[in-house]
Amino acid sequence: MSRPLRIEYAGAHYHIMNRGNRKRIVFNNDLDYKLFLDRLVYFSEIYEIDILSYCLMPSHFHLYLKTNHPNLSRFMQSFMTSFTVIKNRNEDTYGHIFGMFHISPYLLYTFMYIGTIK
């Protein structure tokens, strides 16, 4: 059974959460955090995604984004692939770093996260 299509439209707000594969630590040091943020900013500029807030923890992250075009899936694929390839190369390893990411485009999450954007 295939997953339902993601809801994507210009002006949408999304809460995105992703954990390390098998709940493993993703960010082992400051360089990992810096790489993640560098890739996030780089691809957000290419895809015209507004970063409203983010939270990075050792084993997972939260992003609160606004899209200006219906291109969230392409943005996330490019961003996550780039981060994974570079991190794996730096650590002389291979394979997935993250599990399946969770996207919530619903208005409820917009109101829940307004308090975190200050």
N, C-alpha and C. Protein backbone atom coordinates (compact mmCIF):
# COMPACT_ATOMS: atom_id res chain seq x y z
N MET A 1 0.84 -1.17 0.00
CA MET A 1 0.00 0.00 0.00
C MET A 1 0.89 1.24 0.00
N SER A 2 0.65 2.15 -0.90
CA SER A 2 1.47 3.36 -0.98
C SER A 2 0.99 4.39 0.04
N ARG A 3 1.89 5.29 0.37
CA ARG A 3 1.52 6.35 1.32
C ARG A 3 0.69 7.40 0.60
N PRO A 4 -0.16 8.14 1.32
CA PRO A 4 -0.93 9.21 0.68
C PRO A 4 0.00 10.33 0.22
N LEU A 5 -0.42 11.03 -0.82
CA LEU A 5 0.38 12.15 -1.31
C LEU A 5 0.46 13.23 -0.24
N ARG A 6 1.60 13.89 -0.17
CA ARG A 6 1.76 15.00 0.77
C ARG A 6 1.03 16.22 0.25
N ILE A 7 0.45 16.97 1.15
CA ILE A 7 -0.24 18.20 0.78
C ILE A 7 0.82 19.28 0.61
N GLU A 8 0.92 19.84 -0.59
CA GLU A 8 1.89 20.88 -0.87
C GLU A 8 1.21 22.01 -1.62
N TYR A 9 1.41 23.23 -1.16
CA TYR A 9 0.90 24.40 -1.87
C TYR A 9 1.70 25.62 -1.43
N ALA A 10 1.71 26.63 -2.27
CA ALA A 10 2.43 27.87 -1.96
C ALA A 10 1.81 28.52 -0.72
N GLY A 11 2.67 28.98 0.18
CA GLY A 11 2.21 29.64 1.39
C GLY A 11 1.88 28.70 2.54
N ALA A 12 2.12 27.41 2.37
CA ALA A 12 1.82 26.43 3.42
C ALA A 12 2.86 26.49 4.52
N HIS A 13 2.43 26.21 5.75
CA HIS A 13 3.32 26.12 6.90
C HIS A 13 3.43 24.64 7.27
N TYR A 14 4.65 24.19 7.57
CA TYR A 14 4.88 22.78 7.87
C TYR A 14 5.72 22.63 9.13
N HIS A 15 5.34 21.69 9.95
CA HIS A 15 6.19 21.23 11.05
C HIS A 15 6.77 19.91 10.58
N ILE A 16 8.08 19.84 10.51
CA ILE A 16 8.77 18.63 10.05
C ILE A 16 9.62 18.11 11.19
N MET A 17 9.52 16.82 11.46
CA MET A 17 10.32 16.19 12.49
C MET A 17 10.95 14.93 11.91
N ASN A 18 12.20 14.69 12.27
CA ASN A 18 12.88 13.49 11.82
C ASN A 18 13.84 13.02 12.89
N ARG A 19 13.87 11.71 13.10
CA ARG A 19 14.78 11.10 14.08
C ARG A 19 15.87 10.33 13.36
N GLY A 20 16.95 10.11 14.08
CA GLY A 20 18.01 9.28 13.55
C GLY A 20 17.51 7.87 13.29
N ASN A 21 18.06 7.25 12.26
CA ASN A 21 17.70 5.88 11.92
C ASN A 21 17.97 4.99 13.14
N ARG A 22 16.99 4.18 13.49
CA ARG A 22 17.07 3.29 14.65
C ARG A 22 17.31 4.08 15.95
N LYS A 23 16.82 5.32 15.98
CA LYS A 23 16.92 6.21 17.15
C LYS A 23 18.37 6.51 17.53
N ARG A 24 19.26 6.44 16.57
CA ARG A 24 20.67 6.71 16.84
C ARG A 24 20.94 8.21 16.90
N ILE A 25 22.06 8.56 17.52
CA ILE A 25 22.53 9.95 17.57
C ILE A 25 22.92 10.37 16.17
N VAL A 26 22.47 11.55 15.74
CA VAL A 26 22.77 12.09 14.42
C VAL A 26 23.87 13.13 14.50
N PHE A 27 23.75 14.02 15.47
CA PHE A 27 24.69 15.13 15.60
C PHE A 27 25.71 14.78 16.68
N ASN A 28 26.88 14.33 16.24
CA ASN A 28 27.91 13.87 17.17
C ASN A 28 28.80 15.00 17.69
N ASN A 29 28.84 16.12 16.96
CA ASN A 29 29.72 17.22 17.35
C ASN A 29 29.22 18.51 16.71
N ASP A 30 29.90 19.60 17.01
CA ASP A 30 29.49 20.91 16.48
C ASP A 30 29.56 20.97 14.95
N LEU A 31 30.49 20.22 14.35
CA LEU A 31 30.59 20.21 12.89
C LEU A 31 29.35 19.62 12.24
N ASP A 32 28.74 18.62 12.87
CA ASP A 32 27.51 18.03 12.35
C ASP A 32 26.36 19.04 12.38
N TYR A 33 26.25 19.78 13.49
CA TYR A 33 25.22 20.82 13.59
C TYR A 33 25.44 21.89 12.53
N LYS A 34 26.70 22.31 12.37
CA LYS A 34 27.02 23.35 11.39
C LYS A 34 26.72 22.88 9.97
N LEU A 35 27.10 21.65 9.64
CA LEU A 35 26.81 21.10 8.32
C LEU A 35 25.31 21.08 8.06
N PHE A 36 24.54 20.63 9.03
CA PHE A 36 23.08 20.57 8.88
C PHE A 36 22.52 21.96 8.60
N LEU A 37 22.91 22.95 9.40
CA LEU A 37 22.40 24.31 9.23
C LEU A 37 22.88 24.92 7.92
N ASP A 38 24.11 24.66 7.53
CA ASP A 38 24.61 25.16 6.24
C ASP A 38 23.79 24.61 5.07
N ARG A 39 23.53 23.31 5.10
CA ARG A 39 22.74 22.68 4.03
C ARG A 39 21.30 23.18 4.06
N LEU A 40 20.74 23.36 5.26
CA LEU A 40 19.38 23.87 5.40
C LEU A 40 19.25 25.25 4.76
N VAL A 41 20.16 26.15 5.08
CA VAL A 41 20.11 27.50 4.53
C VAL A 41 20.34 27.48 3.02
N TYR A 42 21.32 26.71 2.58
CA TYR A 42 21.65 26.63 1.15
C TYR A 42 20.42 26.20 0.33
N PHE A 43 19.79 25.10 0.73
CA PHE A 43 18.66 24.60 -0.05
C PHE A 43 17.39 25.42 0.17
N SER A 44 17.25 26.06 1.32
CA SER A 44 16.08 26.92 1.52
C SER A 44 16.14 28.12 0.57
N GLU A 45 17.34 28.59 0.27
CA GLU A 45 17.49 29.69 -0.69
C GLU A 45 17.18 29.22 -2.11
N ILE A 46 17.64 28.06 -2.48
CA ILE A 46 17.39 27.52 -3.82
C ILE A 46 15.89 27.31 -4.05
N TYR A 47 15.21 26.72 -3.06
CA TYR A 47 13.80 26.36 -3.21
C TYR A 47 12.85 27.44 -2.66
N GLU A 48 13.41 28.55 -2.21
CA GLU A 48 12.61 29.67 -1.67
C GLU A 48 11.69 29.22 -0.53
N ILE A 49 12.31 28.56 0.44
CA ILE A 49 11.62 28.09 1.64
C ILE A 49 11.98 29.05 2.77
N ASP A 50 11.01 29.51 3.53
CA ASP A 50 11.27 30.37 4.68
C ASP A 50 11.42 29.49 5.92
N ILE A 51 12.56 29.63 6.60
CA ILE A 51 12.80 28.90 7.85
C ILE A 51 12.26 29.76 8.98
N LEU A 52 11.17 29.35 9.58
CA LEU A 52 10.55 30.13 10.65
C LEU A 52 11.17 29.81 12.00
N SER A 53 11.50 28.55 12.22
CA SER A 53 12.21 28.15 13.43
C SER A 53 12.74 26.73 13.25
N TYR A 54 13.67 26.38 14.11
CA TYR A 54 14.21 25.02 14.09
C TYR A 54 14.69 24.66 15.48
N CYS A 55 14.80 23.38 15.73
CA CYS A 55 15.35 22.87 16.98
C CYS A 55 16.13 21.61 16.64
N LEU A 56 17.41 21.61 16.96
CA LEU A 56 18.27 20.46 16.70
C LEU A 56 18.67 19.82 18.03
N MET A 57 18.43 18.53 18.14
CA MET A 57 18.82 17.77 19.31
C MET A 57 19.70 16.62 18.85
N PRO A 58 20.46 15.99 19.72
CA PRO A 58 21.41 14.97 19.26
C PRO A 58 20.81 13.88 18.37
N SER A 59 19.58 13.45 18.66
CA SER A 59 19.02 12.32 17.91
C SER A 59 17.93 12.71 16.92
N HIS A 60 17.51 13.98 16.90
CA HIS A 60 16.44 14.36 15.99
C HIS A 60 16.38 15.87 15.81
N PHE A 61 15.50 16.29 14.90
CA PHE A 61 15.33 17.73 14.67
C PHE A 61 13.87 18.05 14.40
N HIS A 62 13.54 19.32 14.61
CA HIS A 62 12.24 19.88 14.25
C HIS A 62 12.50 21.10 13.37
N LEU A 63 11.72 21.24 12.30
CA LEU A 63 11.76 22.42 11.46
C LEU A 63 10.35 22.97 11.35
N TYR A 64 10.24 24.27 11.36
CA TYR A 64 8.96 24.92 11.08
C TYR A 64 9.20 25.82 9.88
N LEU A 65 8.60 25.46 8.74
CA LEU A 65 8.90 26.07 7.46
C LEU A 65 7.65 26.63 6.79
N LYS A 66 7.88 27.60 5.92
CA LYS A 66 6.82 28.12 5.05
C LYS A 66 7.32 28.00 3.62
N THR A 67 6.49 27.42 2.76
CA THR A 67 6.86 27.27 1.35
C THR A 67 6.28 28.43 0.55
N ASN A 68 7.04 28.89 -0.43
CA ASN A 68 6.55 29.91 -1.34
C ASN A 68 6.10 29.30 -2.66
N HIS A 69 6.39 28.01 -2.84
CA HIS A 69 5.98 27.23 -4.01
C HIS A 69 5.63 25.83 -3.50
N PRO A 70 4.87 25.06 -4.25
CA PRO A 70 4.55 23.69 -3.81
C PRO A 70 5.71 22.73 -4.08
N ASN A 71 6.80 22.89 -3.32
CA ASN A 71 8.03 22.13 -3.62
C ASN A 71 8.68 21.55 -2.36
N LEU A 72 7.92 21.31 -1.31
CA LEU A 72 8.51 20.82 -0.07
C LEU A 72 9.21 19.47 -0.25
N SER A 73 8.61 18.54 -0.97
CA SER A 73 9.22 17.22 -1.14
C SER A 73 10.56 17.30 -1.86
N ARG A 74 10.63 18.11 -2.90
CA ARG A 74 11.90 18.26 -3.62
C ARG A 74 12.96 18.92 -2.74
N PHE A 75 12.54 19.93 -1.96
CA PHE A 75 13.45 20.58 -1.03
C PHE A 75 13.99 19.58 -0.03
N MET A 76 13.11 18.82 0.63
CA MET A 76 13.55 17.87 1.65
C MET A 76 14.44 16.79 1.07
N GLN A 77 14.12 16.30 -0.12
CA GLN A 77 14.96 15.27 -0.74
C GLN A 77 16.36 15.82 -1.01
N SER A 78 16.45 17.00 -1.58
CA SER A 78 17.75 17.60 -1.89
C SER A 78 18.54 17.89 -0.62
N PHE A 79 17.89 18.50 0.34
CA PHE A 79 18.52 18.88 1.59
C PHE A 79 19.03 17.66 2.36
N MET A 80 18.16 16.68 2.57
CA MET A 80 18.53 15.51 3.37
C MET A 80 19.58 14.65 2.66
N THR A 81 19.48 14.52 1.34
CA THR A 81 20.47 13.74 0.60
C THR A 81 21.83 14.41 0.70
N SER A 82 21.87 15.72 0.52
CA SER A 82 23.13 16.45 0.60
C SER A 82 23.78 16.29 1.97
N PHE A 83 23.00 16.49 3.03
CA PHE A 83 23.53 16.34 4.38
C PHE A 83 24.07 14.93 4.60
N THR A 84 23.31 13.93 4.20
CA THR A 84 23.70 12.53 4.41
C THR A 84 24.97 12.17 3.65
N VAL A 85 25.06 12.56 2.39
CA VAL A 85 26.24 12.24 1.57
C VAL A 85 27.49 12.86 2.18
N ILE A 86 27.41 14.14 2.54
CA ILE A 86 28.59 14.82 3.09
C ILE A 86 28.98 14.25 4.45
N LYS A 87 28.00 14.01 5.32
CA LYS A 87 28.30 13.44 6.65
C LYS A 87 28.90 12.05 6.51
N ASN A 88 28.34 11.22 5.64
CA ASN A 88 28.89 9.88 5.44
C ASN A 88 30.32 9.94 4.90
N ARG A 89 30.56 10.86 3.98
CA ARG A 89 31.91 11.01 3.42
C ARG A 89 32.89 11.44 4.52
N ASN A 90 32.47 12.39 5.36
CA ASN A 90 33.33 12.87 6.44
C ASN A 90 33.66 11.77 7.45
N GLU A 91 32.74 10.84 7.65
CA GLU A 91 32.92 9.79 8.63
C GLU A 91 33.32 8.45 8.01
N ASP A 92 33.59 8.46 6.71
CA ASP A 92 34.01 7.26 5.97
C ASP A 92 33.05 6.09 6.24
N THR A 93 31.76 6.39 6.04
CA THR A 93 30.73 5.38 6.23
C THR A 93 29.70 5.50 5.11
N TYR A 94 28.61 4.80 5.20
CA TYR A 94 27.57 4.85 4.17
C TYR A 94 26.23 4.51 4.79
N GLY A 95 25.17 4.76 4.03
CA GLY A 95 23.83 4.36 4.47
C GLY A 95 22.99 5.51 4.98
N HIS A 96 21.79 5.15 5.39
CA HIS A 96 20.82 6.13 5.89
C HIS A 96 21.26 6.68 7.24
N ILE A 97 20.98 7.95 7.44
CA ILE A 97 21.20 8.58 8.74
C ILE A 97 19.87 8.76 9.45
N PHE A 98 18.86 9.15 8.70
CA PHE A 98 17.54 9.43 9.26
C PHE A 98 16.54 8.37 8.85
N GLY A 99 15.49 8.23 9.66
CA GLY A 99 14.35 7.39 9.32
C GLY A 99 13.40 8.21 8.45
N MET A 100 12.16 7.78 8.37
CA MET A 100 11.15 8.51 7.61
C MET A 100 10.79 9.79 8.35
N PHE A 101 10.74 10.90 7.62
CA PHE A 101 10.38 12.14 8.30
C PHE A 101 8.87 12.32 8.34
N HIS A 102 8.46 13.07 9.34
CA HIS A 102 7.03 13.31 9.59
C HIS A 102 6.75 14.77 9.26
N ILE A 103 5.76 15.01 8.43
CA ILE A 103 5.37 16.36 8.05
C ILE A 103 3.92 16.58 8.46
N SER A 104 3.68 17.68 9.15
CA SER A 104 2.32 18.04 9.54
C SER A 104 1.99 19.42 9.00
N PRO A 105 1.17 19.49 7.96
CA PRO A 105 0.85 20.80 7.40
C PRO A 105 -0.42 21.43 7.99
N TYR A 106 -0.88 20.92 9.10
CA TYR A 106 -2.17 21.35 9.59
C TYR A 106 -2.08 22.61 10.44
N LEU A 107 -3.11 23.39 10.41
CA LEU A 107 -3.16 24.67 11.12
C LEU A 107 -2.95 24.49 12.62
N LEU A 108 -3.39 23.39 13.18
CA LEU A 108 -3.20 23.14 14.60
C LEU A 108 -1.74 23.30 14.99
N TYR A 109 -0.84 22.74 14.19
CA TYR A 109 0.58 22.83 14.50
C TYR A 109 1.09 24.26 14.38
N THR A 110 0.51 25.04 13.48
CA THR A 110 0.90 26.44 13.36
C THR A 110 0.67 27.14 14.69
N PHE A 111 -0.47 26.95 15.30
CA PHE A 111 -0.76 27.61 16.57
C PHE A 111 0.08 27.03 17.70
N MET A 112 0.36 25.75 17.68
CA MET A 112 1.18 25.14 18.72
C MET A 112 2.59 25.70 18.72
N TYR A 113 3.14 26.01 17.54
CA TYR A 113 4.53 26.42 17.45
C TYR A 113 4.75 27.93 17.41
N ILE A 114 3.66 28.69 17.40
CA ILE A 114 3.82 30.15 17.44
C ILE A 114 4.57 30.56 18.70
N GLY A 115 4.32 29.89 19.79
CA GLY A 115 4.99 30.22 21.05
C GLY A 115 6.49 29.97 21.03
N THR A 116 6.98 29.12 20.11
CA THR A 116 8.42 28.82 20.05
C THR A 116 9.16 29.81 19.16
N ILE A 117 8.47 30.64 18.43
CA ILE A 117 9.10 31.55 17.48
C ILE A 117 9.15 32.94 18.11
N LYS A 118 10.12 33.16 18.93
CA LYS A 118 10.27 34.46 19.59
C LYS A 118 11.71 34.82 19.68
